[in-house]
Amino acid sequence: MQDYRHTKIIATIGPATQSPEKLAALIEAGVDVMRLNMAHGTPEWVLEIVARIRSVSKSIHRHVAVMMDVKGPEIRTGAVDDPIELKAGDELVLFTDECSNQSALESDGTPRVSVNYPGLPGAIDLDSTILVDSGLLHWHVLAKDATTIRCRVITPGVLESRRHINLPGIQVNLPAITDKDKTDLIAGIEAGIDFVALSFVRQAEDVETLREFLDQHDSHARIISKIEDQAGVRNMEAIIRQSDAIMVARGDLGIEIDYHRLPLVQTELIRACQVEGKPVIIATHLLESMIHSPVPTRAEVSDVCNAIREQADAVMLSGETTTGKYPLESVGVLQNIIGSIEPTVSRQLNSKIVLREPKSKMLRSSAILAQELGESGIVVFTRSGFLAYVLGALRPRGVPIFAFTDIEHTFHHLLLPWGVEPFLMDFSEDHDETISNALEILKEKGWCKPGMWLGVITNALADEKIVDTLQLREVQ
């Protein structure tokens, strides 16, 4: 039988991996989802790269899902003519684009730097702290008016053009999706993306805004909400319920909250997702050192191990596979860690999940049965993907979940949840023939062998009613 991995692997595509040869190598190495980071992408690139991914997948007979990660609303400093060296105690002035005085210096020689968010002076309080350039620069707010903010430098450093600004604990009034996001999304929808990762989700209404946009453009893409600031953490339950999946985006999140609380928030988000039965992705800095090093640090190995033990659905690589020197080695490291850690995790089912539909109880029974049988698996037939997502959320340890569908976009959606191995297959009007065809495919692909017992979940016509059934089938 084939080796079975429950935790999914996501890789971000960039200059180091976007050639057909590198894409093929990533897919063959075990990547399940390809991420497109639109902070650095264009609509033209999206159309080209998605077509290339589909073509390569088809040629090597292993398919992957495609996730578009939209840039989202960001607050950034403007362009500077030359990098500005800032010493502790120095002062500088931030001004909005609406400010009439656009010069680079105040009359007293203090440097002036623009910001792209007109509402910043109104949103920020005196004596608060502004974090710039991934939290490397800390500035203390001394004074402000309607269009300017005077700051004192707390940590020394060099300010270059268009650096990202974080405002820990401050609620900002920014749109859920920007004009750039909409342009990128239209290209992604045309290309056939499977998931949209929505950046800086602060409230459930942000998800609803994106859902309406996707519906208006007849997209089947599912929404992954990125939690990366304090507002998102505060509203996590409502956001999770409204979303199809969650990404714990530890880059900005680790700046927005106290660094020592990040592991606690990660655990809290994973548990909250498990209660709702929603997939959760752990992202950012998993193997950061492997951008330049062929081996990870021991701390990175422990970090990934922790995500596997906490039963996250997927782990995601970013810079490791976009510009890193060792993209394939990074995927191999994740494979090795997952292979070592998954067998050590408790075989108990997820007891936290709230099963709101009656058929979900049947799914729990099928998971318990498969675990007690030992060398077994669960076969499920689904058109919406719901049954397979719930089975994955139940976390049956050591039990493959073989999800068969005859709908292509559902097939791609099933590549994300924990433990689900999807298959695209035509369904017959004869339920028994459909089951037999599925078991034959599993045998041909080496997923099962004669004599194995599998739990089979399907529906059948009885007294002119559709009845959900759980059957026990022996592979012939």
Protein backbone atom coordinates (compact mmCIF):
# COMPACT_ATOMS: atom_id res chain seq x y z
CA MET A 1 0.00 0.00 0.00
CA GLN A 2 1.03 3.60 -0.56
CA ASP A 3 2.50 5.61 2.31
CA TYR A 4 -0.20 7.82 3.76
CA ARG A 5 0.25 11.39 4.99
CA HIS A 6 -2.54 13.26 6.76
CA THR A 7 -1.02 16.77 6.98
CA LYS A 8 -1.05 18.69 3.70
CA ILE A 9 1.85 20.73 2.30
CA ILE A 10 1.45 24.16 0.69
CA ALA A 11 4.26 25.79 -1.32
CA THR A 12 4.41 29.39 -2.54
CA ILE A 13 5.44 29.78 -6.18
CA GLY A 14 8.08 32.32 -7.16
CA PRO A 15 11.18 32.82 -9.31
CA ALA A 16 12.89 29.75 -7.82
CA THR A 17 10.01 27.39 -8.61
CA GLN A 18 7.83 28.69 -11.44
CA SER A 19 9.50 26.87 -14.35
CA PRO A 20 7.68 23.74 -15.62
CA GLU A 21 10.58 21.58 -14.43
CA LYS A 22 10.55 23.01 -10.89
CA LEU A 23 6.76 22.83 -10.68
CA ALA A 24 6.85 19.18 -11.69
CA ALA A 25 9.52 18.48 -9.08
CA LEU A 26 7.49 20.20 -6.35
CA ILE A 27 4.34 18.29 -7.25
CA GLU A 28 6.18 14.97 -7.35
CA ALA A 29 7.83 15.84 -4.00
CA GLY A 30 4.36 15.92 -2.42
CA VAL A 31 3.08 19.51 -2.51
CA ASP A 32 -0.74 19.53 -2.33
CA VAL A 33 -1.54 23.23 -2.81
CA MET A 34 0.32 25.91 -4.79
CA ARG A 35 0.10 29.43 -3.35
CA LEU A 36 0.28 32.57 -5.49
CA ASN A 37 1.40 35.58 -3.43
CA MET A 38 -0.25 38.58 -5.09
CA ALA A 39 1.85 41.05 -3.11
CA HIS A 40 4.37 40.32 -5.88
CA GLY A 41 2.11 39.06 -8.67
CA THR A 42 0.22 40.53 -11.63
CA PRO A 43 -2.98 39.40 -13.37
CA GLU A 44 -0.96 38.39 -16.43
CA TRP A 45 1.32 36.22 -14.31
CA VAL A 46 -1.69 34.55 -12.67
CA LEU A 47 -3.17 33.48 -16.01
CA GLU A 48 0.19 32.16 -17.15
CA ILE A 49 1.22 30.34 -13.97
CA VAL A 50 -2.14 28.68 -13.26
CA ALA A 51 -2.26 27.32 -16.81
CA ARG A 52 1.30 26.05 -16.37
CA ILE A 53 0.48 24.36 -13.05
CA ARG A 54 -2.55 22.61 -14.57
CA SER A 55 -0.55 21.51 -17.59
CA VAL A 56 2.33 20.13 -15.52
CA SER A 57 -0.09 18.38 -13.12
CA LYS A 58 -1.83 16.68 -16.00
CA SER A 59 1.43 15.57 -17.59
CA ILE A 60 2.72 13.87 -14.42
CA HIS A 61 -0.71 12.55 -13.34
CA ARG A 62 -0.79 14.23 -9.92
CA HIS A 63 -3.05 17.20 -9.34
CA VAL A 64 -2.71 20.11 -6.94
CA ALA A 65 -5.00 22.93 -5.85
CA VAL A 66 -4.19 26.60 -6.50
CA MET A 67 -4.57 29.29 -3.82
CA MET A 68 -4.47 33.00 -4.60
CA ASP A 69 -3.29 35.04 -1.61
CA VAL A 70 -4.51 38.57 -2.26
CA LYS A 71 -2.37 41.46 -1.05
CA GLY A 72 -5.14 43.08 0.96
CA PRO A 73 -5.23 46.55 2.54
CA GLU A 74 -1.81 47.56 3.79
CA ILE A 75 -0.52 50.72 5.42
CA ARG A 76 2.90 51.62 4.01
CA THR A 77 5.35 54.47 4.05
CA GLY A 78 5.91 56.20 0.72
CA ALA A 79 8.96 56.42 -1.48
CA VAL A 80 12.14 58.06 -0.18
CA ASP A 81 14.86 59.43 -2.45
CA ASP A 82 17.61 57.80 -0.38
CA PRO A 83 17.46 55.45 2.63
CA ILE A 84 17.08 57.45 5.85
CA GLU A 85 19.35 56.45 8.73
CA LEU A 86 17.50 56.86 12.02
CA LYS A 87 19.19 56.89 15.42
CA ALA A 88 17.44 56.39 18.76
CA GLY A 89 16.03 59.74 19.87
CA ASP A 90 15.78 61.16 16.34
CA GLU A 91 12.47 62.59 15.22
CA LEU A 92 10.59 62.28 11.93
CA VAL A 93 7.21 63.35 10.60
CA LEU A 94 4.71 61.13 8.81
CA PHE A 95 2.30 62.94 6.51
CA THR A 96 -0.72 61.71 4.57
CA ASP A 97 -1.03 62.03 0.82
CA GLU A 98 -3.63 64.76 1.45
CA CYS A 99 -1.09 66.98 3.17
CA SER A 100 -0.35 70.18 1.25
CA ASN A 101 3.30 70.24 2.35
CA GLN A 102 4.95 67.41 0.39
CA SER A 103 8.60 68.34 1.06
CA ALA A 104 11.10 65.78 2.35
CA LEU A 105 12.16 67.94 5.33
CA GLU A 106 10.49 70.08 7.99
CA SER A 107 11.76 73.63 8.42
CA ASP A 108 13.91 72.41 11.33
CA GLY A 109 15.46 69.67 9.15
CA THR A 110 13.37 66.79 10.51
CA PRO A 111 12.77 64.18 7.77
CA ARG A 112 9.25 63.86 6.39
CA VAL A 113 7.88 60.57 5.02
CA SER A 114 4.49 60.03 3.41
CA VAL A 115 1.99 57.27 4.33
CA ASN A 116 -0.71 55.84 2.06
CA TYR A 117 -3.50 55.82 4.69
CA PRO A 118 -5.23 59.21 5.08
CA GLY A 119 -6.98 58.05 8.27
CA LEU A 120 -3.76 57.28 10.15
CA PRO A 121 -3.60 60.51 12.22
CA GLY A 122 -7.19 60.03 13.33
CA ALA A 123 -6.72 56.32 14.15
CA ILE A 124 -3.57 56.59 16.25
CA ASP A 125 -3.28 57.88 19.81
CA LEU A 126 -0.60 60.05 21.40
CA ASP A 127 2.10 58.03 23.21
CA SER A 128 1.30 54.93 21.15
CA THR A 129 3.88 52.96 19.14
CA ILE A 130 4.14 52.58 15.38
CA LEU A 131 6.00 49.49 14.12
CA VAL A 132 7.62 49.70 10.68
CA ASP A 133 9.40 47.24 8.35
CA SER A 134 8.21 43.95 9.93
CA GLY A 135 8.59 45.43 13.40
CA LEU A 136 12.28 46.28 13.05
CA LEU A 137 11.67 50.02 13.57
CA HIS A 138 9.74 51.34 16.59
CA TRP A 139 8.51 54.93 16.66
CA HIS A 140 6.81 56.71 19.57
CA VAL A 141 3.98 59.15 18.70
CA LEU A 142 4.76 62.60 20.15
CA ALA A 143 2.19 64.85 18.44
CA LYS A 144 -0.30 64.85 15.56
CA ASP A 145 -2.78 66.96 13.66
CA ALA A 146 -5.25 66.15 10.87
CA THR A 147 -2.58 65.24 8.31
CA THR A 148 0.73 64.70 10.14
CA ILE A 149 2.22 62.63 12.97
CA ARG A 150 5.49 63.55 14.72
CA CYS A 151 7.40 60.53 16.05
CA ARG A 152 10.52 59.86 18.10
CA VAL A 153 12.70 56.92 17.05
CA ILE A 154 12.92 54.19 19.72
CA THR A 155 14.98 51.59 17.86
CA PRO A 156 17.66 52.68 15.40
CA GLY A 157 17.61 51.51 11.80
CA VAL A 158 17.42 52.49 8.15
CA LEU A 159 14.11 53.44 6.55
CA GLU A 160 13.78 52.57 2.87
CA SER A 161 10.87 53.10 0.47
CA ARG A 162 7.41 51.59 0.95
CA ARG A 163 7.90 49.83 4.28
CA HIS A 164 4.94 48.08 5.90
CA ILE A 165 3.40 49.71 9.00
CA ASN A 166 1.83 47.77 11.89
CA LEU A 167 -0.41 49.41 14.47
CA PRO A 168 -0.84 46.90 17.32
CA GLY A 169 -4.26 47.10 18.96
CA ILE A 170 -5.54 49.91 16.73
CA GLN A 171 -8.71 49.40 14.68
CA VAL A 172 -8.26 50.88 11.22
CA ASN A 173 -10.95 51.63 8.68
CA LEU A 174 -9.63 49.90 5.56
CA PRO A 175 -11.58 48.03 2.85
CA ALA A 176 -11.68 44.23 3.00
CA ILE A 177 -10.58 43.98 -0.64
CA THR A 178 -8.76 46.70 -2.55
CA ASP A 179 -8.99 47.67 -6.21
CA LYS A 180 -5.79 45.70 -6.86
CA ASP A 181 -7.31 42.67 -5.13
CA LYS A 182 -10.39 42.88 -7.35
CA THR A 183 -8.31 43.06 -10.52
CA ASP A 184 -6.19 40.11 -9.37
CA LEU A 185 -9.26 38.12 -8.35
CA ILE A 186 -10.93 38.56 -11.73
CA ALA A 187 -7.81 37.13 -13.37
CA GLY A 188 -7.71 34.32 -10.82
CA ILE A 189 -11.35 33.44 -11.39
CA GLU A 190 -10.73 33.33 -15.15
CA ALA A 191 -7.72 31.08 -14.56
CA GLY A 192 -9.73 28.77 -12.28
CA ILE A 193 -8.21 29.27 -8.81
CA ASP A 194 -9.52 26.95 -6.08
CA PHE A 195 -8.93 29.02 -2.93
CA VAL A 196 -8.63 32.72 -2.06
CA ALA A 197 -6.60 33.66 1.01
CA LEU A 198 -7.97 36.96 2.31
CA SER A 199 -5.36 39.11 4.06
CA PHE A 200 -5.86 41.04 7.32
CA VAL A 201 -9.33 39.68 8.10
CA ARG A 202 -10.56 41.71 11.06
CA GLN A 203 -14.24 40.75 11.22
CA ALA A 204 -16.71 38.29 9.70
CA GLU A 205 -18.10 41.03 7.46
CA ASP A 206 -14.76 41.09 5.59
CA VAL A 207 -15.35 37.47 4.58
CA GLU A 208 -18.90 38.23 3.52
CA THR A 209 -17.62 41.03 1.27
CA LEU A 210 -15.29 38.63 -0.54
CA ARG A 211 -17.99 35.94 -0.72
CA GLU A 212 -20.34 38.37 -2.46
CA PHE A 213 -17.60 39.32 -4.93
CA LEU A 214 -16.90 35.67 -5.76
CA ASP A 215 -20.61 34.90 -6.14
CA GLN A 216 -21.06 37.87 -8.47
CA HIS A 217 -18.33 36.46 -10.70
CA ASP A 218 -19.60 32.85 -10.56
CA SER A 219 -16.51 31.57 -8.77
CA HIS A 220 -16.46 28.32 -6.79
CA ALA A 221 -13.28 29.33 -4.95
CA ARG A 222 -13.32 28.74 -1.20
CA ILE A 223 -12.22 31.43 1.25
CA ILE A 224 -9.24 31.08 3.59
CA SER A 225 -9.22 33.90 6.14
CA LYS A 226 -5.78 35.04 7.31
CA ILE A 227 -5.64 35.96 10.97
CA GLU A 228 -2.78 38.44 11.35
CA ASP A 229 -3.77 41.19 13.79
CA GLN A 230 -5.41 41.69 17.17
CA ALA A 231 -8.85 42.39 15.72
CA GLY A 232 -8.78 39.07 13.87
CA VAL A 233 -7.82 37.27 17.07
CA ARG A 234 -10.60 38.97 19.04
CA ASN A 235 -13.19 38.03 16.41
CA MET A 236 -11.82 34.59 15.59
CA GLU A 237 -14.99 32.59 16.34
CA ALA A 238 -17.20 34.67 14.05
CA ILE A 239 -14.53 34.76 11.34
CA ILE A 240 -14.04 30.98 11.48
CA ARG A 241 -17.78 30.33 11.16
CA GLN A 242 -18.00 32.59 8.09
CA SER A 243 -14.86 31.19 6.42
CA ASP A 244 -14.10 27.92 4.64
CA ALA A 245 -10.64 27.69 6.25
CA ILE A 246 -8.22 29.72 8.38
CA MET A 247 -4.55 30.63 7.96
CA VAL A 248 -2.52 31.47 11.04
CA ALA A 249 -0.34 34.12 9.33
CA ARG A 250 2.43 34.36 11.91
CA GLY A 251 4.45 37.07 10.17
CA ASP A 252 2.26 40.11 10.83
CA LEU A 253 0.51 38.36 13.73
CA GLY A 254 3.82 38.00 15.55
CA ILE A 255 4.31 41.77 15.22
CA GLU A 256 0.75 42.74 16.17
CA ILE A 257 0.70 40.74 19.42
CA ASP A 258 3.34 40.13 22.10
CA TYR A 259 5.78 37.62 20.63
CA HIS A 260 5.58 35.35 23.69
CA ARG A 261 1.81 34.99 23.17
CA LEU A 262 2.11 33.81 19.56
CA PRO A 263 2.29 30.07 20.39
CA LEU A 264 -0.74 30.44 22.68
CA VAL A 265 -2.75 32.24 20.00
CA GLN A 266 -1.75 29.62 17.44
CA THR A 267 -3.05 26.87 19.73
CA GLU A 268 -6.24 28.82 20.40
CA LEU A 269 -6.89 29.29 16.67
CA ILE A 270 -6.26 25.61 15.89
CA ARG A 271 -8.67 24.51 18.63
CA ALA A 272 -11.32 27.00 17.54
CA CYS A 273 -11.08 25.68 13.97
CA GLN A 274 -11.36 22.10 15.21
CA VAL A 275 -14.56 22.98 17.08
CA GLU A 276 -16.11 24.29 13.86
CA GLY A 277 -14.62 21.55 11.68
CA LYS A 278 -12.76 24.08 9.51
CA PRO A 279 -9.26 23.44 8.05
CA VAL A 280 -6.42 25.47 9.56
CA ILE A 281 -3.06 26.29 7.95
CA ILE A 282 0.11 27.20 9.87
CA ALA A 283 2.17 29.68 7.83
CA THR A 284 5.30 31.85 7.88
CA HIS A 285 8.83 31.14 9.09
CA LEU A 286 8.42 27.37 9.26
CA LEU A 287 11.82 26.73 7.64
CA GLU A 288 13.01 30.30 7.13
CA SER A 289 16.69 29.41 7.46
CA MET A 290 16.37 27.07 4.46
CA ILE A 291 16.10 30.08 2.17
CA HIS A 292 19.90 30.01 2.41
CA SER A 293 20.74 26.76 4.24
CA PRO A 294 20.30 23.15 3.02
CA VAL A 295 19.20 22.04 6.50
CA PRO A 296 16.74 23.57 9.00
CA THR A 297 17.56 24.76 12.49
CA ARG A 298 16.57 22.55 15.41
CA ALA A 299 14.11 25.22 16.53
CA GLU A 300 12.40 25.14 13.12
CA VAL A 301 12.08 21.36 13.29
CA SER A 302 10.48 21.66 16.72
CA ASP A 303 8.11 24.37 15.45
CA VAL A 304 6.87 22.18 12.59
CA CYS A 305 6.58 19.21 14.96
CA ASN A 306 4.37 21.31 17.22
CA ALA A 307 2.03 22.16 14.31
CA ILE A 308 1.74 18.46 13.44
CA ARG A 309 1.08 17.46 17.07
CA GLU A 310 -1.60 20.13 17.32
CA GLN A 311 -3.13 18.54 14.20
CA ALA A 312 -3.12 21.50 11.86
CA ASP A 313 -4.51 20.58 8.43
CA ALA A 314 -1.60 22.04 6.48
CA VAL A 315 1.81 23.65 6.83
CA MET A 316 2.90 26.32 4.36
CA LEU A 317 6.24 27.36 2.88
CA SER A 318 6.76 30.96 1.71
CA GLY A 319 10.22 32.38 0.99
CA GLU A 320 11.64 28.85 1.20
CA THR A 321 10.06 28.03 -2.18
CA THR A 322 9.75 31.46 -3.84
CA THR A 323 13.33 32.72 -3.78
CA GLY A 324 15.10 30.16 -1.60
CA LYS A 325 18.08 28.12 -2.72
CA TYR A 326 16.60 24.83 -1.47
CA PRO A 327 12.88 24.64 -2.35
CA LEU A 328 12.74 20.88 -2.96
CA GLU A 329 14.83 20.16 0.11
CA SER A 330 12.38 22.27 2.17
CA VAL A 331 9.45 20.16 0.99
CA GLY A 332 11.48 17.04 1.78
CA VAL A 333 12.12 18.30 5.32
CA LEU A 334 8.38 18.77 5.87
CA GLN A 335 7.72 15.29 4.51
CA ASN A 336 10.27 13.78 6.89
CA ILE A 337 8.97 15.64 9.94
CA ILE A 338 5.36 14.75 9.15
CA GLY A 339 6.31 11.11 8.59
CA SER A 340 8.07 10.93 11.94
CA ILE A 341 5.56 12.83 14.07
CA GLU A 342 2.12 11.77 12.75
CA PRO A 343 2.39 8.14 13.97
CA THR A 344 3.12 9.38 17.51
CA VAL A 345 -0.04 11.50 17.80
CA SER A 346 -2.97 10.16 19.84
CA ARG A 347 -5.46 7.98 17.92
CA GLN A 348 -8.43 9.60 19.66
CA LEU A 349 -10.98 11.30 17.44
CA ASN A 350 -11.41 15.07 17.61
CA SER A 351 -13.78 15.42 20.56
CA LYS A 352 -14.01 19.20 20.25
CA ILE A 353 -15.93 19.34 16.96
CA VAL A 354 -19.57 20.40 17.09
CA LEU A 355 -21.53 18.09 14.75
CA ARG A 356 -24.62 20.09 13.83
CA GLU A 357 -26.13 17.80 11.17
CA PRO A 358 -27.55 14.30 11.85
CA LYS A 359 -25.46 12.72 9.07
CA SER A 360 -22.33 13.94 10.87
CA LYS A 361 -23.06 11.39 13.62
CA MET A 362 -22.88 8.67 10.98
CA LEU A 363 -19.51 10.03 9.89
CA ARG A 364 -18.22 9.77 13.46
CA SER A 365 -19.40 6.16 13.58
CA SER A 366 -17.58 5.38 10.34
CA ALA A 367 -14.37 6.90 11.72
CA ILE A 368 -14.60 4.87 14.94
CA LEU A 369 -15.30 1.69 12.96
CA ALA A 370 -12.35 2.23 10.62
CA GLN A 371 -9.98 2.89 13.53
CA GLU A 372 -11.12 -0.28 15.34
CA LEU A 373 -10.70 -2.39 12.20
CA GLY A 374 -7.02 -1.49 12.09
CA GLU A 375 -5.72 -1.59 8.51
CA SER A 376 -8.75 0.06 6.97
CA GLY A 377 -10.02 3.25 5.37
CA ILE A 378 -13.14 5.27 4.66
CA VAL A 379 -14.59 5.71 1.17
CA VAL A 380 -16.96 8.64 0.75
CA PHE A 381 -18.85 9.94 -2.29
CA THR A 382 -19.52 13.66 -2.32
CA ARG A 383 -20.41 16.43 -4.70
CA SER A 384 -20.19 19.39 -2.30
CA GLY A 385 -17.19 18.11 -0.36
CA PHE A 386 -19.06 18.47 2.96
CA LEU A 387 -18.84 14.81 4.02
CA ALA A 388 -15.10 14.61 3.37
CA TYR A 389 -14.41 17.89 5.18
CA VAL A 390 -16.25 16.64 8.28
CA LEU A 391 -14.40 13.31 8.17
CA GLY A 392 -11.10 15.16 7.98
CA ALA A 393 -12.10 17.37 10.89
CA LEU A 394 -12.82 14.24 12.99
CA ARG A 395 -9.10 13.34 12.68
CA PRO A 396 -9.30 9.50 12.48
CA ARG A 397 -5.66 8.57 13.11
CA GLY A 398 -4.06 6.16 10.66
CA VAL A 399 -7.25 5.98 8.59
CA PRO A 400 -7.14 7.19 4.97
CA ILE A 401 -10.20 9.12 3.81
CA PHE A 402 -10.79 8.35 0.12
CA ALA A 403 -13.14 11.02 -1.24
CA PHE A 404 -14.67 10.44 -4.68
CA THR A 405 -16.42 13.21 -6.59
CA ASP A 406 -17.51 13.83 -10.15
CA ILE A 407 -17.13 17.62 -9.88
CA GLU A 408 -13.73 19.07 -10.74
CA HIS A 409 -13.74 22.10 -8.44
CA THR A 410 -14.85 19.92 -5.51
CA PHE A 411 -11.95 17.57 -6.29
CA HIS A 412 -9.52 20.47 -5.99
CA HIS A 413 -11.16 21.71 -2.77
CA LEU A 414 -10.60 18.27 -1.23
CA LEU A 415 -6.83 18.62 -1.57
CA LEU A 416 -6.65 20.87 1.52
CA PRO A 417 -8.37 19.13 4.49
CA TRP A 418 -6.42 16.82 6.80
CA GLY A 419 -6.31 13.16 5.83
CA VAL A 420 -8.41 13.41 2.66
CA GLU A 421 -7.17 11.77 -0.57
CA PRO A 422 -9.51 12.91 -3.38
CA PHE A 423 -10.36 11.19 -6.66
CA LEU A 424 -12.20 12.57 -9.69
CA MET A 425 -14.48 9.89 -11.13
CA ASP A 426 -17.74 9.72 -13.08
CA PHE A 427 -20.66 8.45 -10.99
CA SER A 428 -23.03 5.80 -12.31
CA GLU A 429 -26.77 5.85 -11.71
CA ASP A 430 -26.22 2.40 -10.16
CA HIS A 431 -24.80 3.08 -6.67
CA ASP A 432 -23.28 -0.40 -6.41
CA GLU A 433 -21.46 0.07 -9.72
CA THR A 434 -20.08 3.42 -8.50
CA ILE A 435 -18.75 1.78 -5.34
CA SER A 436 -17.21 -1.10 -7.30
CA ASN A 437 -15.51 1.35 -9.69
CA ALA A 438 -14.09 3.32 -6.76
CA LEU A 439 -12.68 0.22 -5.06
CA GLU A 440 -11.13 -0.86 -8.35
CA ILE A 441 -9.40 2.54 -8.67
CA LEU A 442 -8.05 2.24 -5.12
CA LYS A 443 -6.63 -1.21 -5.92
CA GLU A 444 -5.07 -0.04 -9.18
CA LYS A 445 -3.39 2.93 -7.49
CA GLY A 446 -2.09 0.84 -4.61
CA TRP A 447 -4.21 2.43 -1.90
CA CYS A 448 -5.77 -0.86 -0.78
CA LYS A 449 -5.36 -4.59 -1.34
CA PRO A 450 -7.68 -7.63 -1.50
CA GLY A 451 -8.98 -8.67 1.88
CA MET A 452 -9.02 -5.15 3.36
CA TRP A 453 -12.27 -3.92 4.87
CA LEU A 454 -13.37 -0.36 4.07
CA GLY A 455 -16.18 1.74 5.48
CA VAL A 456 -18.22 3.10 2.54
CA ILE A 457 -20.48 6.15 2.93
CA THR A 458 -22.97 6.79 0.16
CA ASN A 459 -26.68 7.28 -0.37
CA ALA A 460 -29.24 4.90 -1.79
CA LEU A 461 -32.84 5.08 -2.97
CA ALA A 462 -35.26 3.38 -0.53
CA ASP A 463 -39.04 3.76 -0.75
CA GLU A 464 -38.53 6.69 -3.13
CA LYS A 465 -36.36 8.49 -0.55
CA ILE A 466 -32.62 9.14 -0.56
CA VAL A 467 -31.09 7.46 2.49
CA ASP A 468 -27.50 7.97 3.68
CA THR A 469 -25.84 4.62 4.31
CA LEU A 470 -22.71 3.28 5.99
CA GLN A 471 -21.57 -0.03 4.53
CA LEU A 472 -18.67 -2.33 5.31
CA ARG A 473 -17.08 -3.60 2.11
CA GLU A 474 -14.28 -6.16 1.67
CA VAL A 475 -11.91 -5.41 -1.18
CA GLN A 476 -12.04 -8.32 -3.65
